[in-house]
Protein backbone atom coordinates (compact mmCIF):
# COMPACT_ATOMS: atom_id res chain seq x y z
CA MET A 1 -103.84 39.43 82.69
CA LYS A 2 -106.76 37.06 82.42
CA LYS A 3 -109.23 37.94 79.73
CA SER A 4 -112.80 38.78 80.72
CA ARG A 5 -115.60 36.44 79.64
CA LEU A 6 -116.90 39.20 77.30
CA THR A 7 -113.50 39.58 75.66
CA GLN A 8 -113.31 35.77 75.20
CA LEU A 9 -116.84 35.62 73.81
CA GLU A 10 -116.23 38.47 71.36
CA GLU A 11 -112.97 36.96 70.14
CA ARG A 12 -114.44 33.52 69.64
CA MET A 13 -117.56 34.83 67.93
CA GLU A 14 -115.48 37.06 65.65
CA ALA A 15 -113.15 34.22 64.65
CA LEU A 16 -116.08 31.84 63.93
CA VAL A 17 -118.03 34.37 61.86
CA GLU A 18 -115.00 35.68 59.98
CA GLY A 19 -114.12 32.16 58.95
CA THR A 20 -117.65 31.11 58.00
CA PHE A 21 -119.06 34.25 56.38
CA ALA A 22 -116.10 36.24 55.11
CA ARG A 23 -116.85 35.59 51.43
CA LEU A 24 -120.62 35.99 51.85
CA PHE A 25 -120.27 39.38 53.60
CA ALA A 26 -117.45 40.70 51.42
CA GLY A 27 -118.30 44.15 50.02
CA ARG A 28 -121.60 44.22 51.89
CA LEU A 29 -120.59 44.70 55.55
CA GLN A 30 -117.99 43.45 57.93
CA PRO A 31 -118.80 40.04 59.54
CA ARG A 32 -117.08 41.15 62.74
CA ASP A 33 -119.80 43.89 63.18
CA ILE A 34 -122.50 41.27 63.54
CA ALA A 35 -120.29 38.96 65.51
CA LEU A 36 -119.34 41.56 68.12
CA GLN A 37 -122.89 42.89 68.52
CA LEU A 38 -124.27 39.35 68.95
CA ALA A 39 -121.59 38.55 71.51
CA ARG A 40 -122.29 41.70 73.48
CA ALA A 41 -126.03 41.21 73.38
CA LEU A 42 -125.57 37.63 74.69
CA GLU A 43 -123.17 38.73 77.43
CA ASP A 44 -125.42 41.63 78.51
CA SER A 45 -128.44 39.35 78.80
CA ALA A 46 -126.42 36.65 80.60
CA SER A 47 -125.20 39.21 83.19
CA GLY A 48 -128.85 39.75 84.12
CA GLY A 49 -129.25 36.15 85.25
CA ALA A 50 -130.19 34.12 82.14
CA PRO A 51 -128.88 34.52 78.54
CA ALA A 52 -131.50 35.70 76.00
CA LEU A 53 -132.73 33.16 73.39
CA ARG A 54 -134.02 35.55 70.77
CA TYR A 55 -131.94 38.08 68.85
CA ALA A 56 -132.87 40.42 66.00
CA VAL A 57 -130.18 41.35 63.53
CA ARG A 58 -131.40 44.44 61.69
CA LEU A 59 -129.82 45.44 58.39
CA ASN A 60 -130.48 47.91 55.55
CA PRO A 61 -133.15 46.20 53.33
CA ALA A 62 -130.80 45.99 50.32
CA ASP A 63 -128.10 44.32 52.49
CA ALA A 64 -130.65 41.97 54.12
CA GLN A 65 -132.07 40.92 50.72
CA ALA A 66 -128.61 40.39 49.19
CA LEU A 67 -127.32 38.32 52.10
CA LEU A 68 -130.43 36.13 52.37
CA GLY A 69 -130.46 35.73 48.60
CA GLU A 70 -126.99 34.27 48.82
CA GLN A 71 -127.65 32.28 51.99
CA PRO A 72 -131.32 31.76 52.96
CA ARG A 73 -130.20 29.88 56.14
CA LEU A 74 -128.12 32.80 57.39
CA ALA A 75 -130.11 33.15 60.60
CA GLU A 76 -129.77 29.50 61.47
CA LEU A 77 -126.01 29.55 60.81
CA LEU A 78 -125.54 32.63 62.95
CA ALA A 79 -127.45 30.93 65.73
CA ALA A 80 -125.13 27.90 65.49
CA GLU A 81 -122.05 30.10 65.61
CA LEU A 82 -123.45 31.88 68.67
CA VAL A 83 -123.94 28.54 70.45
CA GLN A 84 -120.34 27.51 69.67
CA ALA A 85 -118.89 30.79 70.78
CA ALA A 86 -120.88 30.72 74.00
CA ARG A 87 -119.76 27.17 74.71
CA GLU A 88 -116.09 28.04 74.25
CA ALA A 89 -116.44 31.13 76.45
CA GLY A 90 -118.15 29.22 79.20
CA VAL A 91 -121.66 30.64 78.77
CA THR A 92 -124.39 28.03 79.21
CA LEU A 93 -127.40 28.22 76.85
CA PRO A 94 -130.45 26.14 77.71
CA ARG A 95 -131.18 25.68 74.04
CA VAL A 96 -130.29 26.95 70.65
CA PRO A 97 -131.13 30.69 70.48
CA GLU A 98 -133.28 32.12 67.69
CA VAL A 99 -131.70 34.76 65.38
CA LEU A 100 -133.92 36.85 63.14
CA ILE A 101 -132.64 38.74 60.14
CA LEU A 102 -134.86 41.84 59.71
CA PRO A 103 -134.75 44.68 57.22
CA ASP A 104 -134.79 48.19 58.64
CA LEU A 105 -135.41 51.18 56.43
CA LEU A 106 -133.80 53.49 58.97
CA LEU A 107 -130.38 51.84 58.66
CA LYS A 108 -127.85 52.98 56.13
CA PRO A 109 -126.14 50.42 53.84
CA ARG A 110 -123.47 48.41 55.58
CA SER A 111 -124.94 49.22 59.00
CA VAL A 112 -126.16 46.64 61.49
CA THR A 113 -127.84 46.63 64.90
CA VAL A 114 -128.40 43.64 67.14
CA THR A 115 -131.07 43.69 69.86
CA VAL A 116 -132.44 41.17 72.31
CA GLU A 117 -136.09 40.48 71.42
CA ALA A 118 -138.89 39.59 73.78
CA ALA A 119 -140.17 36.06 73.46
CA ALA A 120 -143.73 37.15 72.66
CA LEU A 121 -144.86 37.28 69.11
CA SER A 122 -147.26 39.90 67.80
CA ASP A 123 -150.40 37.89 68.49
CA THR A 124 -149.43 34.93 70.68
CA ALA A 125 -148.50 34.81 74.30
CA ALA A 126 -144.90 33.60 73.82
CA ALA A 127 -142.49 32.30 71.23
CA ALA A 128 -141.93 28.60 71.19
CA PRO A 129 -138.88 26.47 70.54
CA VAL A 130 -138.42 24.93 67.18
CA ALA A 131 -139.85 21.47 66.97
CA GLY A 132 -137.71 19.08 68.87
CA GLU A 133 -136.30 21.65 71.30
CA ALA A 134 -137.17 21.84 74.95
CA GLY A 135 -140.41 23.64 75.81
CA PRO A 136 -140.46 26.78 77.97
CA ASP A 137 -140.74 24.68 81.12
CA GLY A 138 -137.51 22.87 80.16
CA ALA A 139 -139.25 19.53 80.20
CA GLY A 140 -138.44 18.88 76.55
CA SER A 141 -142.13 18.64 75.54
CA ALA A 142 -143.49 20.70 72.64
CA PRO A 143 -146.99 21.17 71.24
CA PRO A 144 -147.82 18.73 68.40
CA THR A 145 -146.91 19.78 64.88
CA PRO A 146 -149.93 20.84 62.83
CA ARG A 147 -150.81 18.89 59.68
CA ALA A 148 -150.25 22.06 57.73
CA PHE A 149 -149.83 22.67 54.04
CA LEU A 150 -149.61 25.40 51.33
CA ILE A 151 -151.80 25.55 48.26
CA LEU A 152 -149.95 26.90 45.23
CA ASP A 153 -151.45 27.81 41.82
CA GLY A 154 -154.95 27.23 43.35
CA GLN A 155 -154.54 23.47 43.38
CA ARG A 156 -151.04 22.19 44.10
CA THR A 157 -150.67 21.16 47.75
CA VAL A 158 -147.32 21.27 49.46
CA PRO A 159 -147.21 19.67 52.96
CA LEU A 160 -145.21 21.46 55.61
CA THR A 161 -143.11 18.87 57.33
CA GLN A 162 -140.13 20.99 58.59
CA ALA A 163 -139.76 23.48 61.37
CA ILE A 164 -138.19 26.09 59.05
CA VAL A 165 -139.46 26.53 55.47
CA GLY A 166 -137.96 29.01 53.00
CA LEU A 167 -140.11 30.50 50.21
CA GLY A 168 -138.72 32.30 47.21
CA ARG A 169 -137.41 32.19 43.70
CA ARG A 170 -134.03 30.73 44.49
CA LEU A 171 -133.62 27.05 43.81
CA ASP A 172 -132.44 26.12 47.34
CA ASN A 173 -135.68 27.35 48.95
CA HIS A 174 -137.98 24.61 50.31
CA VAL A 175 -140.89 26.14 48.36
CA ILE A 176 -139.81 27.54 44.95
CA LEU A 177 -141.96 30.12 43.28
CA GLU A 178 -140.89 30.71 39.68
CA ASP A 179 -142.39 34.17 39.30
CA PRO A 180 -140.23 37.30 38.65
CA ARG A 181 -142.21 39.29 41.20
CA VAL A 182 -141.03 36.95 43.95
CA SER A 183 -137.66 37.72 45.58
CA ARG A 184 -134.94 35.10 45.65
CA ALA A 185 -135.31 34.68 49.41
CA HIS A 186 -138.73 36.18 49.90
CA ALA A 187 -140.24 34.77 53.16
CA GLN A 188 -139.78 32.10 55.80
CA LEU A 189 -142.12 29.96 57.83
CA ARG A 190 -140.97 28.92 61.35
CA LEU A 191 -142.75 26.50 63.66
CA ARG A 192 -143.30 28.12 67.06
CA PHE A 193 -145.36 26.58 69.90
CA GLY A 194 -147.16 24.40 67.44
CA ARG A 195 -148.05 27.31 65.09
CA TYR A 196 -146.44 28.35 61.87
CA VAL A 197 -145.23 31.96 61.85
CA LEU A 198 -144.60 33.76 58.54
CA TYR A 199 -141.66 36.23 58.25
CA ASP A 200 -140.94 38.56 55.45
CA LEU A 201 -137.26 38.50 54.61
CA GLY A 202 -136.88 42.05 53.30
CA SER A 203 -138.55 41.14 50.00
CA THR A 204 -138.88 43.76 47.24
CA GLY A 205 -142.58 43.19 46.57
CA GLY A 206 -143.61 42.58 50.15
CA THR A 207 -145.50 39.79 51.98
CA TYR A 208 -149.21 40.14 52.71
CA VAL A 209 -151.66 38.11 54.79
CA ASN A 210 -155.37 38.62 53.99
CA GLY A 211 -154.54 41.90 52.28
CA GLN A 212 -152.37 43.33 55.07
CA ARG A 213 -148.62 43.76 54.65
CA ILE A 214 -146.67 41.96 57.40
CA GLN A 215 -143.24 41.52 58.72
CA GLU A 216 -144.26 38.73 61.08
CA CYS A 217 -147.60 36.92 61.40
CA VAL A 218 -148.90 33.80 63.10
CA LEU A 219 -150.86 31.89 60.45
CA ARG A 220 -154.29 30.38 60.79
CA PRO A 221 -156.07 27.91 58.48
CA GLY A 222 -157.52 29.61 55.41
CA ASP A 223 -155.16 32.59 55.52
CA VAL A 224 -154.42 34.04 52.07
CA ILE A 225 -150.74 34.89 51.71
CA SER A 226 -149.51 37.09 48.85
CA LEU A 227 -145.84 37.13 47.95
CA ALA A 228 -145.56 40.30 45.81
CA GLY A 229 -148.86 39.43 44.29
CA VAL A 230 -148.39 35.64 44.00
CA PRO A 231 -151.16 34.02 46.08
CA VAL A 232 -150.49 31.09 48.45
CA ILE A 233 -153.13 29.57 50.76
CA TYR A 234 -152.21 28.26 54.23
CA GLY A 235 -154.24 25.35 55.49
CA GLU A 236 -154.28 22.73 58.17
CA ASP A 237 -155.97 19.30 58.03
CA GLU A 238 -158.40 18.51 60.79
CA GLY A 239 -157.72 15.53 63.01
CA GLN A 240 -154.59 14.41 64.80
CA ALA A 241 -151.51 16.54 64.33
CA GLY A 242 -148.02 15.24 63.80
CA GLY A 243 -147.57 14.67 60.11
CA PRO A 244 -148.53 15.66 56.61
CA PRO A 245 -151.87 14.75 55.07
CA PRO A 246 -151.89 11.11 53.93
CA ASP A 247 -152.27 11.80 50.21
CA ALA A 248 -149.72 14.63 50.28
CA ALA A 249 -147.22 12.35 52.08
CA ALA A 250 -147.70 9.92 49.21
CA GLY A 251 -146.58 12.57 46.77
CA GLU A 252 -150.00 13.45 45.41
CA THR A 253 -151.40 16.94 44.95
CA ARG A 254 -154.93 17.92 45.84
CA HIS A 255 -157.45 20.60 44.78
CA ARG A 256 -159.00 22.48 47.66
CA PRO A 257 -161.92 24.46 46.27
CA ASP A 258 -163.22 25.28 49.77
CA PHE A 259 -160.35 27.72 50.46
CA PRO A 260 -160.69 31.34 49.31
CA THR A 261 -158.80 32.79 46.37
CA LEU A 262 -157.08 36.14 46.40
CA PRO A 263 -159.64 38.91 45.81
CA PRO A 264 -159.12 40.88 42.58
CA GLY A 265 -156.92 43.95 43.09
CA LYS A 266 -155.42 42.64 46.34
CA PRO A 267 -151.63 42.28 46.51
């Protein structure tokens, strides 16, 4: 008897994830649980006409923090596995889907749920492809990359030149914050429709923007980010977008006294 497309997709996704993540997930939860739920979410959305391109993998906060601490790029790797499984099962994806790893206090340890997420972000009309991907019209065009940067320690400037930027204490993060209050994989910046979006990765101390705790937030110039009490300023240079500030690209750091500092008593 010929296998259904869903059965093929589940088997391929399970085989891919078991092989890639078996050691990482060992003792935390079964890789096949995530694999099967991702496969079913993809198939369900594809049966409605077009496969979804944004999936949320929700885990118990302790599980999410442990997995992201071991592998900060877990969401990207799962997305790549989903593309490969879809290709082998004959499901056509217009572009690489986005997978979000989100902590959920309502979930018990070793539990997982996968849902299809709407494209819209909390305060923007729609989610955008990562830089270099096709735009929503399929024409392959994307908004220009902002000349964005972070200010650390009140004076050290770090240009943002990548579509995905990890922040945390672990050494393989793009932005390393050597402070015990900061989680190993604390937060992540993702470039969406020409704007950087900040995601908390189930951190212990929380992620705040302008004093408000967030799980997901589109950043604007001058925003004050707090990673468990460690202040970081988000800024954008005026002028043409498309690259880092000239002096930052040359490896220099700059002092930006015109940006606000974290108010006393704020997290």
